């Protein structure tokens, strides 16, 4: 007869559908009991097991909090002031900030704060990238001579570097596309407000 270990009653049962396997490069070792919920490590135990290098880097990591908050305020103010003047739809902040890891029961308080900080920083940078991408499409939709390591989603539609034929007309068409996106977003928002809930 096999031994069955039940999760405690306060812990929800794991989903019936198994997640797809991770690629071999990031595969995790098989658990002794795949239905067991990971236990939260106490804060003192977590600190004792932390690498000294990790603890020494904390002032540098969290030292970026103030610049991130300043960037957040500045980029939000910029789009609030300028995008209506250009007729561009504002980037929805809630689409870029996902702070859901604090609900994970196996993280201690410090791990939850760390996860929230990383989620905020990555969300902020993605949010700022989208604001700058719309600005670039409005003002200077030209590709670079050399492809950067990372480009935003709008970059592929930009005008090729050095291709000056009809530049003004094509740039105006890309600008007009932004204005059309804004009109479509306003219509969708208005339809959503009229729809029964």
N, C-alpha and C. Protein backbone atom coordinates (compact mmCIF):
# COMPACT_ATOMS: atom_id res chain seq x y z
N UNK A 1 0.84 -1.17 0.00
CA UNK A 1 0.00 0.00 0.00
C UNK A 1 0.90 1.25 0.00
N UNK A 2 0.63 2.19 -0.95
CA UNK A 2 1.45 3.38 -1.06
C UNK A 2 1.06 4.42 -0.03
N UNK A 3 1.99 5.24 0.35
CA UNK A 3 1.76 6.29 1.31
C UNK A 3 1.27 7.53 0.57
N UNK A 4 0.18 8.09 0.99
CA UNK A 4 -0.39 9.27 0.34
C UNK A 4 -0.27 10.44 1.29
N UNK A 5 0.29 11.53 0.82
CA UNK A 5 0.44 12.73 1.64
C UNK A 5 -0.53 13.77 1.11
N UNK A 6 -1.41 14.22 1.96
CA UNK A 6 -2.41 15.22 1.59
C UNK A 6 -1.88 16.60 1.95
N UNK A 7 -2.16 17.61 1.10
CA UNK A 7 -1.76 18.97 1.49
C UNK A 7 -2.61 19.43 2.66
N UNK A 8 -2.10 20.34 3.48
CA UNK A 8 -2.88 20.86 4.60
C UNK A 8 -4.19 21.48 4.08
N UNK A 9 -5.24 21.51 4.90
CA UNK A 9 -6.54 22.01 4.43
C UNK A 9 -6.51 23.48 4.03
N UNK A 10 -5.57 24.28 4.53
CA UNK A 10 -5.54 25.70 4.20
C UNK A 10 -4.88 25.96 2.85
N UNK A 11 -4.28 24.94 2.26
CA UNK A 11 -3.59 25.10 0.99
C UNK A 11 -4.46 24.54 -0.12
N UNK A 12 -4.74 25.32 -1.18
CA UNK A 12 -5.58 24.79 -2.26
C UNK A 12 -4.88 23.63 -2.96
N UNK A 13 -5.70 22.70 -3.42
CA UNK A 13 -5.17 21.55 -4.14
C UNK A 13 -4.53 22.02 -5.44
N UNK A 14 -3.48 21.34 -5.89
CA UNK A 14 -2.84 21.73 -7.14
C UNK A 14 -3.79 21.49 -8.31
N UNK A 15 -3.61 22.22 -9.42
CA UNK A 15 -4.51 22.03 -10.56
C UNK A 15 -4.39 20.62 -11.13
N UNK A 16 -5.49 20.15 -11.72
CA UNK A 16 -5.53 18.79 -12.25
C UNK A 16 -4.67 18.66 -13.50
N UNK A 17 -4.52 19.73 -14.26
CA UNK A 17 -3.76 19.69 -15.50
C UNK A 17 -2.31 20.02 -15.20
N UNK A 18 -1.42 19.16 -15.63
CA UNK A 18 0.01 19.40 -15.40
C UNK A 18 0.53 20.44 -16.38
N UNK A 19 1.45 21.25 -15.91
CA UNK A 19 2.07 22.26 -16.76
C UNK A 19 2.97 21.56 -17.77
N UNK A 20 3.17 22.16 -18.95
CA UNK A 20 4.08 21.55 -19.92
C UNK A 20 5.49 21.50 -19.35
N UNK A 21 6.28 20.52 -19.75
CA UNK A 21 7.64 20.41 -19.21
C UNK A 21 8.51 21.59 -19.65
N UNK A 22 9.42 21.97 -18.78
CA UNK A 22 10.35 23.04 -19.11
C UNK A 22 11.39 22.51 -20.09
N UNK A 23 11.98 23.39 -20.90
CA UNK A 23 13.07 22.95 -21.77
C UNK A 23 14.20 22.36 -20.92
N UNK A 24 14.98 21.48 -21.51
CA UNK A 24 16.05 20.79 -20.77
C UNK A 24 17.00 21.77 -20.09
N UNK A 25 17.23 22.92 -20.70
CA UNK A 25 18.19 23.88 -20.13
C UNK A 25 17.71 24.45 -18.80
N UNK A 26 16.39 24.47 -18.56
CA UNK A 26 15.87 25.04 -17.32
C UNK A 26 15.03 24.04 -16.54
N UNK A 27 15.09 22.77 -16.89
CA UNK A 27 14.30 21.77 -16.21
C UNK A 27 14.71 21.68 -14.74
N UNK A 28 13.73 21.53 -13.89
CA UNK A 28 13.97 21.41 -12.46
C UNK A 28 14.04 19.94 -12.08
N UNK A 29 14.75 19.58 -11.01
CA UNK A 29 14.80 18.18 -10.61
C UNK A 29 13.41 17.72 -10.17
N UNK A 30 13.06 16.47 -10.42
CA UNK A 30 11.74 16.00 -10.03
C UNK A 30 11.59 16.03 -8.52
N UNK A 31 10.41 16.42 -8.06
CA UNK A 31 10.14 16.50 -6.63
C UNK A 31 9.83 15.11 -6.09
N UNK A 32 10.15 14.91 -4.82
CA UNK A 32 9.86 13.63 -4.19
C UNK A 32 8.35 13.41 -4.14
N UNK A 33 7.62 14.50 -3.93
CA UNK A 33 6.17 14.42 -3.90
C UNK A 33 5.62 15.56 -4.74
N UNK A 34 5.20 15.29 -5.98
CA UNK A 34 4.78 16.37 -6.87
C UNK A 34 3.53 17.10 -6.41
N UNK A 35 2.75 16.55 -5.47
CA UNK A 35 1.54 17.23 -5.01
C UNK A 35 1.80 18.12 -3.81
N UNK A 36 2.99 18.04 -3.23
CA UNK A 36 3.30 18.84 -2.05
C UNK A 36 3.50 20.30 -2.43
N UNK A 37 2.99 21.20 -1.60
CA UNK A 37 3.18 22.63 -1.80
C UNK A 37 4.50 23.01 -1.13
N UNK A 38 5.37 23.76 -1.83
CA UNK A 38 6.66 24.14 -1.22
C UNK A 38 6.43 24.89 0.09
N UNK A 39 7.30 24.62 1.05
CA UNK A 39 7.21 25.29 2.34
C UNK A 39 7.95 26.62 2.29
N UNK A 40 7.39 27.59 2.96
CA UNK A 40 8.04 28.89 3.05
C UNK A 40 9.21 28.79 4.02
N UNK A 41 10.36 29.31 3.60
CA UNK A 41 11.53 29.32 4.47
C UNK A 41 11.44 30.56 5.35
N UNK A 42 11.66 30.39 6.63
CA UNK A 42 11.58 31.52 7.55
C UNK A 42 12.61 32.57 7.18
N UNK A 43 12.35 33.79 7.59
CA UNK A 43 13.26 34.89 7.28
C UNK A 43 14.67 34.64 7.83
N UNK A 44 14.82 34.24 9.09
CA UNK A 44 16.19 33.97 9.58
C UNK A 44 16.88 32.85 8.79
N UNK A 45 16.15 31.80 8.47
CA UNK A 45 16.76 30.71 7.69
C UNK A 45 17.13 31.18 6.30
N UNK A 46 16.30 32.02 5.72
CA UNK A 46 16.58 32.55 4.38
C UNK A 46 17.83 33.43 4.41
N UNK A 47 17.94 34.29 5.45
CA UNK A 47 19.11 35.17 5.55
C UNK A 47 20.40 34.36 5.75
N UNK A 48 20.33 33.32 6.59
CA UNK A 48 21.51 32.49 6.84
C UNK A 48 21.96 31.80 5.56
N UNK A 49 21.01 31.39 4.72
CA UNK A 49 21.36 30.66 3.50
C UNK A 49 21.68 31.59 2.32
N UNK A 50 21.49 32.89 2.50
CA UNK A 50 21.78 33.84 1.42
C UNK A 50 23.28 33.99 1.24
N UNK A 51 23.69 34.19 0.01
CA UNK A 51 25.10 34.42 -0.27
C UNK A 51 25.48 35.83 0.17
N UNK A 52 26.67 35.98 0.67
CA UNK A 52 27.16 37.28 1.12
C UNK A 52 27.13 38.28 -0.04
N UNK A 53 27.50 37.81 -1.25
CA UNK A 53 27.50 38.68 -2.42
C UNK A 53 26.10 39.25 -2.68
N UNK A 54 25.09 38.42 -2.47
CA UNK A 54 23.71 38.89 -2.68
C UNK A 54 23.35 39.97 -1.67
N UNK A 55 23.72 39.76 -0.43
CA UNK A 55 23.41 40.75 0.60
C UNK A 55 24.18 42.05 0.37
N UNK A 56 25.43 41.95 -0.09
CA UNK A 56 26.23 43.15 -0.35
C UNK A 56 25.70 43.96 -1.53
N UNK A 57 24.99 43.30 -2.45
CA UNK A 57 24.47 44.01 -3.62
C UNK A 57 23.16 44.74 -3.34
N UNK A 58 22.52 44.47 -2.20
CA UNK A 58 21.22 45.07 -1.91
C UNK A 58 21.20 46.60 -1.97
N UNK A 59 22.20 47.30 -1.43
CA UNK A 59 22.15 48.77 -1.53
C UNK A 59 22.16 49.27 -2.98
N UNK A 60 22.84 48.54 -3.86
CA UNK A 60 22.89 48.95 -5.26
C UNK A 60 21.58 48.64 -5.97
N UNK A 61 21.01 47.50 -5.66
CA UNK A 61 19.72 47.13 -6.27
C UNK A 61 18.63 48.10 -5.82
N UNK A 62 18.50 48.25 -4.49
CA UNK A 62 17.43 49.11 -3.98
C UNK A 62 17.78 50.60 -4.09
N UNK A 63 19.04 50.89 -4.36
CA UNK A 63 19.42 52.28 -4.63
C UNK A 63 18.80 52.80 -5.93
N UNK A 64 18.36 51.89 -6.78
CA UNK A 64 17.70 52.27 -8.04
C UNK A 64 16.23 52.62 -7.83
N UNK A 65 15.69 52.39 -6.65
CA UNK A 65 14.26 52.65 -6.41
C UNK A 65 13.91 54.11 -6.68
N UNK A 66 14.69 55.04 -6.17
CA UNK A 66 14.39 56.46 -6.38
C UNK A 66 14.47 56.85 -7.86
N UNK A 67 15.52 56.46 -8.61
CA UNK A 67 15.51 56.77 -10.04
C UNK A 67 14.32 56.15 -10.78
N UNK A 68 13.90 54.93 -10.38
CA UNK A 68 12.73 54.33 -11.02
C UNK A 68 11.47 55.14 -10.75
N UNK A 69 11.30 55.59 -9.51
CA UNK A 69 10.12 56.39 -9.17
C UNK A 69 10.14 57.71 -9.93
N UNK A 70 11.31 58.33 -10.04
CA UNK A 70 11.43 59.59 -10.79
C UNK A 70 11.11 59.36 -12.27
N UNK A 71 11.65 58.28 -12.85
CA UNK A 71 11.33 57.94 -14.24
C UNK A 71 9.84 57.72 -14.41
N UNK A 72 9.23 56.99 -13.50
CA UNK A 72 7.80 56.70 -13.55
C UNK A 72 7.00 58.01 -13.58
N UNK A 73 7.31 58.91 -12.66
CA UNK A 73 6.59 60.19 -12.59
C UNK A 73 6.83 61.02 -13.86
N UNK A 74 8.07 61.08 -14.32
CA UNK A 74 8.40 61.91 -15.48
C UNK A 74 7.77 61.37 -16.76
N UNK A 75 7.85 60.06 -16.99
CA UNK A 75 7.31 59.50 -18.23
C UNK A 75 5.79 59.56 -18.23
N UNK A 76 5.18 59.38 -17.06
CA UNK A 76 3.72 59.47 -16.96
C UNK A 76 3.24 60.91 -17.20
N UNK A 77 3.96 61.87 -16.63
CA UNK A 77 3.63 63.28 -16.85
C UNK A 77 3.82 63.66 -18.32
N UNK A 78 4.91 63.17 -18.91
CA UNK A 78 5.19 63.46 -20.32
C UNK A 78 4.04 62.99 -21.21
N UNK A 79 3.62 61.74 -21.04
CA UNK A 79 2.56 61.26 -21.93
C UNK A 79 1.23 61.94 -21.63
N UNK A 80 0.97 62.25 -20.36
CA UNK A 80 -0.28 62.94 -20.02
C UNK A 80 -0.33 64.33 -20.65
N UNK A 81 0.81 64.99 -20.74
CA UNK A 81 0.85 66.34 -21.31
C UNK A 81 0.92 66.32 -22.84
N UNK A 82 1.74 65.44 -23.40
CA UNK A 82 2.04 65.52 -24.84
C UNK A 82 1.15 64.65 -25.72
N UNK A 83 0.79 63.47 -25.29
CA UNK A 83 0.03 62.58 -26.17
C UNK A 83 -1.31 63.18 -26.60
N UNK A 84 -2.05 63.84 -25.71
CA UNK A 84 -3.28 64.49 -26.19
C UNK A 84 -3.01 65.57 -27.24
N UNK A 85 -1.88 66.27 -27.11
CA UNK A 85 -1.54 67.28 -28.10
C UNK A 85 -1.25 66.66 -29.46
N UNK A 86 -0.66 65.45 -29.45
CA UNK A 86 -0.32 64.77 -30.70
C UNK A 86 -1.49 63.94 -31.24
N UNK A 87 -2.49 63.71 -30.39
CA UNK A 87 -3.60 62.85 -30.80
C UNK A 87 -3.27 61.37 -30.68
N UNK A 88 -2.27 61.04 -29.84
CA UNK A 88 -1.83 59.66 -29.65
C UNK A 88 -2.54 59.08 -28.44
N UNK A 89 -2.93 57.81 -28.53
CA UNK A 89 -3.54 57.13 -27.39
C UNK A 89 -2.50 56.97 -26.28
N UNK A 90 -2.94 57.22 -25.05
CA UNK A 90 -2.04 57.03 -23.92
C UNK A 90 -1.81 55.55 -23.67
N UNK A 91 -0.62 55.22 -23.22
CA UNK A 91 -0.27 53.84 -22.88
C UNK A 91 -0.95 53.52 -21.55
N UNK A 92 -1.68 52.41 -21.52
CA UNK A 92 -2.37 52.03 -20.28
C UNK A 92 -1.38 51.40 -19.32
N UNK A 93 -1.20 52.05 -18.22
CA UNK A 93 -0.25 51.64 -17.20
C UNK A 93 -0.53 50.22 -16.69
N UNK A 94 -1.79 49.91 -16.47
CA UNK A 94 -2.16 48.61 -15.89
C UNK A 94 -1.78 47.43 -16.79
N UNK A 95 -1.55 47.69 -18.07
CA UNK A 95 -1.15 46.61 -18.97
C UNK A 95 0.31 46.19 -18.75
N UNK A 96 1.08 46.99 -18.06
CA UNK A 96 2.51 46.73 -17.90
C UNK A 96 2.95 46.40 -16.48
N UNK A 97 2.10 46.68 -15.51
CA UNK A 97 2.46 46.44 -14.11
C UNK A 97 1.65 45.26 -13.58
N UNK A 98 2.30 44.15 -13.34
CA UNK A 98 1.66 42.95 -12.81
C UNK A 98 2.37 42.60 -11.51
N UNK A 99 1.68 42.81 -10.41
CA UNK A 99 2.28 42.58 -9.09
C UNK A 99 1.50 41.46 -8.39
N UNK A 100 1.65 40.25 -8.89
CA UNK A 100 0.86 39.13 -8.36
C UNK A 100 1.66 38.12 -7.55
N UNK A 101 2.95 38.26 -7.48
CA UNK A 101 3.77 37.25 -6.82
C UNK A 101 3.63 37.27 -5.30
N UNK A 102 3.12 38.35 -4.74
CA UNK A 102 2.95 38.43 -3.28
C UNK A 102 1.93 37.42 -2.77
N UNK A 103 1.12 36.87 -3.66
CA UNK A 103 0.13 35.87 -3.25
C UNK A 103 0.73 34.46 -3.17
N UNK A 104 1.97 34.29 -3.57
CA UNK A 104 2.58 32.96 -3.53
C UNK A 104 2.88 32.59 -2.08
N UNK A 105 2.30 31.50 -1.61
CA UNK A 105 2.43 31.17 -0.18
C UNK A 105 3.82 30.71 0.23
N UNK A 106 4.66 30.32 -0.70
CA UNK A 106 5.96 29.78 -0.34
C UNK A 106 7.06 30.83 -0.30
N UNK A 107 6.71 32.10 -0.51
CA UNK A 107 7.71 33.18 -0.42
C UNK A 107 7.61 33.83 0.95
N UNK A 108 8.77 34.15 1.55
CA UNK A 108 8.73 34.90 2.81
C UNK A 108 8.59 36.39 2.49
N UNK A 109 8.51 37.22 3.51
CA UNK A 109 8.25 38.65 3.32
C UNK A 109 9.32 39.33 2.46
N UNK A 110 10.57 39.02 2.68
CA UNK A 110 11.65 39.65 1.91
C UNK A 110 11.58 39.22 0.45
N UNK A 111 11.33 37.94 0.21
CA UNK A 111 11.21 37.46 -1.16
C UNK A 111 10.03 38.13 -1.87
N UNK A 112 8.94 38.35 -1.16
CA UNK A 112 7.78 39.02 -1.76
C UNK A 112 8.11 40.47 -2.12
N UNK A 113 8.84 41.15 -1.23
CA UNK A 113 9.25 42.52 -1.53
C UNK A 113 10.19 42.53 -2.73
N UNK A 114 11.15 41.60 -2.76
CA UNK A 114 12.06 41.52 -3.91
C UNK A 114 11.30 41.30 -5.20
N UNK A 115 10.34 40.37 -5.19
CA UNK A 115 9.56 40.08 -6.39
C UNK A 115 8.72 41.29 -6.81
N UNK A 116 8.15 41.98 -5.84
CA UNK A 116 7.35 43.17 -6.17
C UNK A 116 8.24 44.24 -6.80
N UNK A 117 9.43 44.41 -6.26
CA UNK A 117 10.37 45.41 -6.78
C UNK A 117 10.76 45.08 -8.22
N UNK A 118 11.11 43.82 -8.47
CA UNK A 118 11.49 43.42 -9.84
C UNK A 118 10.31 43.55 -10.80
N UNK A 119 9.11 43.18 -10.35
CA UNK A 119 7.93 43.32 -11.20
C UNK A 119 7.69 44.79 -11.53
N UNK A 120 7.83 45.66 -10.53
CA UNK A 120 7.64 47.09 -10.76
C UNK A 120 8.68 47.62 -11.74
N UNK A 121 9.96 47.29 -11.52
CA UNK A 121 11.03 47.81 -12.37
C UNK A 121 10.86 47.35 -13.81
N UNK A 122 10.60 46.06 -14.01
CA UNK A 122 10.42 45.55 -15.38
C UNK A 122 9.16 46.11 -16.02
N UNK A 123 8.08 46.22 -15.25
CA UNK A 123 6.86 46.82 -15.78
C UNK A 123 7.08 48.28 -16.17
N UNK A 124 7.79 49.01 -15.32
CA UNK A 124 8.09 50.42 -15.60
C UNK A 124 8.89 50.57 -16.88
N UNK A 125 9.92 49.76 -17.05
CA UNK A 125 10.75 49.88 -18.24
C UNK A 125 9.98 49.50 -19.51
N UNK A 126 9.10 48.51 -19.42
CA UNK A 126 8.28 48.14 -20.58
C UNK A 126 7.27 49.25 -20.89
N UNK A 127 6.68 49.82 -19.85
CA UNK A 127 5.74 50.94 -19.98
C UNK A 127 6.43 52.15 -20.63
N UNK A 128 7.62 52.49 -20.13
CA UNK A 128 8.37 53.62 -20.68
C UNK A 128 8.78 53.34 -22.12
N UNK A 129 9.17 52.10 -22.43
CA UNK A 129 9.55 51.74 -23.79
C UNK A 129 8.38 51.96 -24.74
N UNK A 130 7.18 51.58 -24.34
CA UNK A 130 6.02 51.76 -25.21
C UNK A 130 5.71 53.25 -25.43
N UNK A 131 5.86 54.05 -24.39
CA UNK A 131 5.63 55.50 -24.53
C UNK A 131 6.65 56.09 -25.50
N UNK A 132 7.91 55.71 -25.34
CA UNK A 132 8.96 56.23 -26.21
C UNK A 132 8.79 55.70 -27.64
N UNK A 133 8.34 54.46 -27.78
CA UNK A 133 8.12 53.89 -29.12
C UNK A 133 7.05 54.68 -29.87
N UNK A 134 5.97 55.04 -29.19
CA UNK A 134 4.93 55.84 -29.85
C UNK A 134 5.44 57.23 -30.20
N UNK A 135 6.26 57.78 -29.30
CA UNK A 135 6.86 59.08 -29.58
C UNK A 135 7.78 59.00 -30.80
N UNK A 136 8.59 57.95 -30.86
CA UNK A 136 9.51 57.78 -31.99
C UNK A 136 8.73 57.61 -33.30
N UNK A 137 7.63 56.85 -33.26
CA UNK A 137 6.82 56.68 -34.47
C UNK A 137 6.23 58.02 -34.91
N UNK A 138 5.89 58.85 -33.97
CA UNK A 138 5.31 60.16 -34.30
C UNK A 138 6.35 61.11 -34.88
N UNK A 139 7.54 61.16 -34.27
CA UNK A 139 8.53 62.16 -34.63
C UNK A 139 9.63 61.69 -35.57
N UNK A 140 10.06 60.44 -35.46
CA UNK A 140 11.25 60.01 -36.22
C UNK A 140 11.17 58.53 -36.55
N UNK A 141 10.24 58.11 -37.41
CA UNK A 141 10.06 56.69 -37.69
C UNK A 141 11.07 56.17 -38.73
N UNK A 142 12.34 56.24 -38.40
CA UNK A 142 13.39 55.79 -39.31
C UNK A 142 14.21 54.71 -38.60
N UNK A 143 14.46 53.61 -39.30
CA UNK A 143 15.29 52.56 -38.74
C UNK A 143 16.73 53.03 -38.65
N UNK A 144 17.51 52.40 -37.81
CA UNK A 144 18.93 52.72 -37.67
C UNK A 144 19.73 52.03 -38.78
N UNK A 145 20.93 52.51 -39.03
CA UNK A 145 21.80 51.88 -40.02
C UNK A 145 22.21 50.48 -39.55
N UNK A 146 22.39 50.34 -38.26
CA UNK A 146 22.75 49.05 -37.67
C UNK A 146 21.63 48.66 -36.71
N UNK A 147 21.14 47.43 -36.81
CA UNK A 147 20.04 46.97 -35.98
C UNK A 147 20.48 46.89 -34.52
N UNK A 148 19.78 47.59 -33.63
CA UNK A 148 20.11 47.49 -32.20
C UNK A 148 19.82 46.08 -31.67
N UNK A 149 20.37 45.76 -30.52
CA UNK A 149 20.17 44.44 -29.92
C UNK A 149 18.71 44.18 -29.59
N UNK A 150 17.97 45.20 -29.23
CA UNK A 150 16.54 45.04 -28.92
C UNK A 150 15.79 46.22 -29.52
N UNK A 151 14.67 45.92 -30.14
CA UNK A 151 13.83 46.97 -30.71
C UNK A 151 12.40 46.77 -30.23
N UNK A 152 11.62 47.84 -30.24
CA UNK A 152 10.23 47.75 -29.84
C UNK A 152 9.38 47.21 -30.99
N UNK A 153 8.15 46.89 -30.69
CA UNK A 153 7.26 46.24 -31.66
C UNK A 153 6.93 47.12 -32.86
N UNK A 154 7.02 48.42 -32.74
CA UNK A 154 6.67 49.33 -33.83
C UNK A 154 7.82 49.52 -34.83
N UNK A 155 9.01 49.14 -34.44
CA UNK A 155 10.22 49.41 -35.22
C UNK A 155 10.16 48.82 -36.63
N UNK A 156 9.60 47.62 -36.78
CA UNK A 156 9.59 46.96 -38.09
C UNK A 156 8.85 47.77 -39.16
N UNK A 157 7.91 48.61 -38.75
CA UNK A 157 7.15 49.42 -39.70
C UNK A 157 7.87 50.72 -40.08
N UNK A 158 8.95 51.03 -39.43
CA UNK A 158 9.65 52.28 -39.69
C UNK A 158 10.30 52.26 -41.07
N UNK A 159 10.64 53.44 -41.54
CA UNK A 159 11.25 53.64 -42.85
C UNK A 159 12.72 53.22 -42.79
N UNK A 160 13.17 52.55 -43.84
CA UNK A 160 14.56 52.09 -43.88
C UNK A 160 15.53 53.27 -43.81
N UNK A 161 16.64 53.05 -43.16
CA UNK A 161 17.70 54.04 -43.05
C UNK A 161 18.20 54.41 -44.45
N UNK A 162 18.29 55.69 -44.73
CA UNK A 162 18.81 56.17 -46.00
C UNK A 162 17.79 56.17 -47.14
N UNK A 163 16.59 55.68 -46.91
CA UNK A 163 15.56 55.65 -47.96
C UNK A 163 14.73 56.93 -47.86
N UNK A 164 15.19 57.97 -48.57
CA UNK A 164 14.54 59.27 -48.50
C UNK A 164 13.39 59.47 -49.47
N UNK A 165 13.13 58.47 -50.33
CA UNK A 165 12.03 58.62 -51.30
C UNK A 165 10.70 58.73 -50.56
N UNK A 166 10.01 59.80 -50.81
CA UNK A 166 8.70 60.04 -50.20
C UNK A 166 8.75 59.96 -48.67
N UNK A 167 9.87 60.36 -48.07
CA UNK A 167 10.01 60.26 -46.61
C UNK A 167 8.86 60.99 -45.91
N UNK A 168 8.61 62.22 -46.31
CA UNK A 168 7.59 63.02 -45.61
C UNK A 168 6.22 62.34 -45.66
N UNK A 169 5.84 61.82 -46.82
CA UNK A 169 4.52 61.18 -46.96
C UNK A 169 4.44 59.91 -46.13
N UNK A 170 5.51 59.11 -46.14
CA UNK A 170 5.49 57.86 -45.37
C UNK A 170 5.53 58.13 -43.87
N UNK A 171 6.28 59.14 -43.46
CA UNK A 171 6.32 59.50 -42.04
C UNK A 171 4.95 60.00 -41.59
N UNK A 172 4.29 60.78 -42.45
CA UNK A 172 2.94 61.26 -42.14
C UNK A 172 1.96 60.09 -42.05
N UNK A 173 2.12 59.08 -42.89
CA UNK A 173 1.24 57.90 -42.84
C UNK A 173 1.43 57.15 -41.51
N UNK A 174 2.67 57.03 -41.05
CA UNK A 174 2.90 56.37 -39.76
C UNK A 174 2.33 57.19 -38.61
N UNK A 175 2.43 58.50 -38.71
CA UNK A 175 1.84 59.39 -37.70
C UNK A 175 0.32 59.26 -37.71
N UNK A 176 -0.25 59.20 -38.90
CA UNK A 176 -1.70 59.06 -39.02
C UNK A 176 -2.19 57.74 -38.45
N UNK A 177 -1.36 56.70 -38.57
CA UNK A 177 -1.73 55.40 -38.00
C UNK A 177 -1.86 55.49 -36.48
N UNK A 178 -0.97 56.27 -35.85
CA UNK A 178 -1.06 56.47 -34.39
C UNK A 178 -2.37 57.17 -34.01
N UNK A 179 -2.74 58.17 -34.80
CA UNK A 179 -3.97 58.90 -34.53
C UNK A 179 -5.18 57.98 -34.72
N UNK A 180 -5.14 57.11 -35.74
CA UNK A 180 -6.23 56.15 -35.97
C UNK A 180 -6.31 55.15 -34.81
N UNK A 181 -5.16 54.72 -34.30
CA UNK A 181 -5.16 53.82 -33.14
C UNK A 181 -5.83 54.50 -31.95
N UNK A 182 -5.57 55.77 -31.76
CA UNK A 182 -6.17 56.50 -30.65
C UNK A 182 -7.68 56.58 -30.82
N UNK A 183 -8.14 56.83 -32.04
CA UNK A 183 -9.59 56.90 -32.29
C UNK A 183 -10.24 55.54 -32.02
N UNK A 184 -9.59 54.47 -32.47
CA UNK A 184 -10.12 53.12 -32.23
C UNK A 184 -10.17 52.81 -30.74
N UNK A 185 -9.15 53.23 -30.01
CA UNK A 185 -9.13 52.99 -28.56
C UNK A 185 -10.25 53.76 -27.87
N UNK A 186 -10.51 55.00 -28.31
CA UNK A 186 -11.61 55.78 -27.72
C UNK A 186 -12.95 55.11 -27.99
N UNK A 187 -13.13 54.61 -29.22
CA UNK A 187 -14.38 53.92 -29.56
C UNK A 187 -14.55 52.65 -28.73
N UNK A 188 -13.48 51.89 -28.55
CA UNK A 188 -13.54 50.67 -27.77
C UNK A 188 -13.87 50.98 -26.30
N UNK A 189 -13.25 52.05 -25.78
CA UNK A 189 -13.55 52.45 -24.40
C UNK A 189 -15.01 52.87 -24.26
N UNK A 190 -15.51 53.64 -25.23
CA UNK A 190 -16.90 54.08 -25.18
C UNK A 190 -17.84 52.88 -25.28
N UNK A 191 -17.54 51.93 -26.15
CA UNK A 191 -18.38 50.73 -26.29
C UNK A 191 -18.35 49.92 -25.01
N UNK A 192 -17.20 49.85 -24.35
CA UNK A 192 -17.07 49.11 -23.09
C UNK A 192 -17.88 49.74 -21.98
N UNK A 193 -17.99 51.06 -21.98
CA UNK A 193 -18.79 51.73 -20.97
C UNK A 193 -20.27 51.53 -21.19
N UNK A 194 -20.66 51.38 -22.49
CA UNK A 194 -22.09 51.17 -22.80
C UNK A 194 -22.51 49.72 -22.64
N UNK A 195 -21.55 48.79 -22.69
CA UNK A 195 -21.89 47.38 -22.65
C UNK A 195 -22.43 47.02 -21.27
N UNK A 196 -23.45 46.12 -21.22
CA UNK A 196 -23.97 45.71 -19.90
C UNK A 196 -22.92 44.90 -19.15
N UNK A 197 -22.92 45.05 -17.86
CA UNK A 197 -21.89 44.35 -17.06
C UNK A 197 -22.51 43.21 -16.31
